[in-house]
Amino acid sequence: MGTDGPRLESVSTIQPEHLGAHPPPAWFLDLLDELPRLNGLRPTPTPLVYVTRQGQTALGNGGHAGEGALVRAL
């Protein structure tokens, strides 16, 4: 599309996958919540779309650790 149309960008992240029956511990998720503040980061509004892999582990596919918390936050 032209410059006014949607833009598709691929973003790759290296994260451990959650393969066990137990979610990440609450202290770990709390630490992740603090990282932006500790690094002086502030939210920047952008017109992006997040595509989740939530539910893929139940289908035998991979998923990101803590993705459920991310989806709830978004």
Protein backbone atom coordinates (compact mmCIF):
# COMPACT_ATOMS: atom_id res chain seq x y z
CA MET A 1 0.00 0.00 0.00
CA GLY A 2 0.97 3.62 -0.21
CA THR A 3 2.45 5.70 2.56
CA ASP A 4 -0.98 6.19 4.17
CA GLY A 5 -1.80 2.46 4.27
CA PRO A 6 -1.02 -0.15 6.91
CA ARG A 7 2.56 -1.13 7.53
CA LEU A 8 3.59 -4.71 8.32
CA GLU A 9 6.70 -5.18 10.37
CA SER A 10 8.17 -8.37 11.72
CA VAL A 11 9.52 -8.29 15.26
CA SER A 12 11.45 -11.22 16.68
CA THR A 13 12.06 -11.73 20.36
CA ILE A 14 14.15 -14.26 22.19
CA GLN A 15 12.19 -15.45 25.20
CA PRO A 16 11.97 -18.73 27.04
CA GLU A 17 8.75 -20.58 26.32
CA HIS A 18 6.45 -21.74 29.06
CA LEU A 19 6.28 -25.49 28.65
CA GLY A 20 5.28 -26.59 32.14
CA ALA A 21 1.95 -26.73 33.90
CA HIS A 22 2.81 -23.79 36.16
CA PRO A 23 2.64 -20.10 35.15
CA PRO A 24 5.59 -17.77 35.87
CA PRO A 25 5.79 -16.84 39.57
CA ALA A 26 4.15 -13.59 40.66
CA TRP A 27 7.50 -12.11 41.82
CA PHE A 28 8.87 -12.55 38.26
CA LEU A 29 5.88 -10.80 36.67
CA ASP A 30 6.18 -8.02 39.28
CA LEU A 31 9.85 -7.60 38.35
CA LEU A 32 8.95 -7.36 34.66
CA ASP A 33 6.39 -4.66 35.54
CA GLU A 34 9.15 -2.63 37.21
CA LEU A 35 11.68 -2.81 34.36
CA PRO A 36 10.31 0.16 32.36
CA ARG A 37 10.43 2.42 35.44
CA LEU A 38 13.89 1.20 36.44
CA ASN A 39 15.15 1.96 32.91
CA GLY A 40 13.43 5.35 32.64
CA LEU A 41 11.10 4.22 29.83
CA ARG A 42 7.76 5.89 29.16
CA PRO A 43 4.86 4.66 27.02
CA THR A 44 4.72 5.99 23.47
CA PRO A 45 1.35 5.68 21.69
CA THR A 46 1.73 3.92 18.34
CA PRO A 47 -0.80 2.50 15.86
CA LEU A 48 0.45 -1.10 16.13
CA VAL A 49 -1.36 -4.41 16.27
CA TYR A 50 -0.33 -7.21 18.62
CA VAL A 51 -1.07 -10.77 17.47
CA THR A 52 -1.13 -13.18 20.38
CA ARG A 53 -0.07 -16.81 20.53
CA GLN A 54 -2.19 -17.31 23.64
CA GLY A 55 -3.84 -20.72 23.60
CA GLN A 56 -1.27 -22.20 21.23
CA THR A 57 0.41 -24.27 23.96
CA ALA A 58 -2.84 -26.21 24.43
CA LEU A 59 -2.71 -27.04 20.72
CA GLY A 60 0.85 -28.39 20.99
CA ASN A 61 2.51 -25.22 19.68
CA GLY A 62 4.86 -22.84 21.48
CA GLY A 63 3.92 -19.77 23.45
CA HIS A 64 5.69 -16.98 25.30
CA ALA A 65 6.11 -17.07 29.08
CA GLY A 66 3.68 -14.67 30.73
CA GLU A 67 1.74 -14.01 27.55
CA GLY A 68 -1.58 -14.25 29.35
CA ALA A 69 -0.52 -11.36 31.60
CA LEU A 70 0.57 -9.35 28.55
CA VAL A 71 -2.76 -9.95 26.80
CA ARG A 72 -4.70 -8.86 29.92
CA ALA A 73 -2.56 -5.72 30.18
CA LEU A 74 -3.14 -4.77 26.55
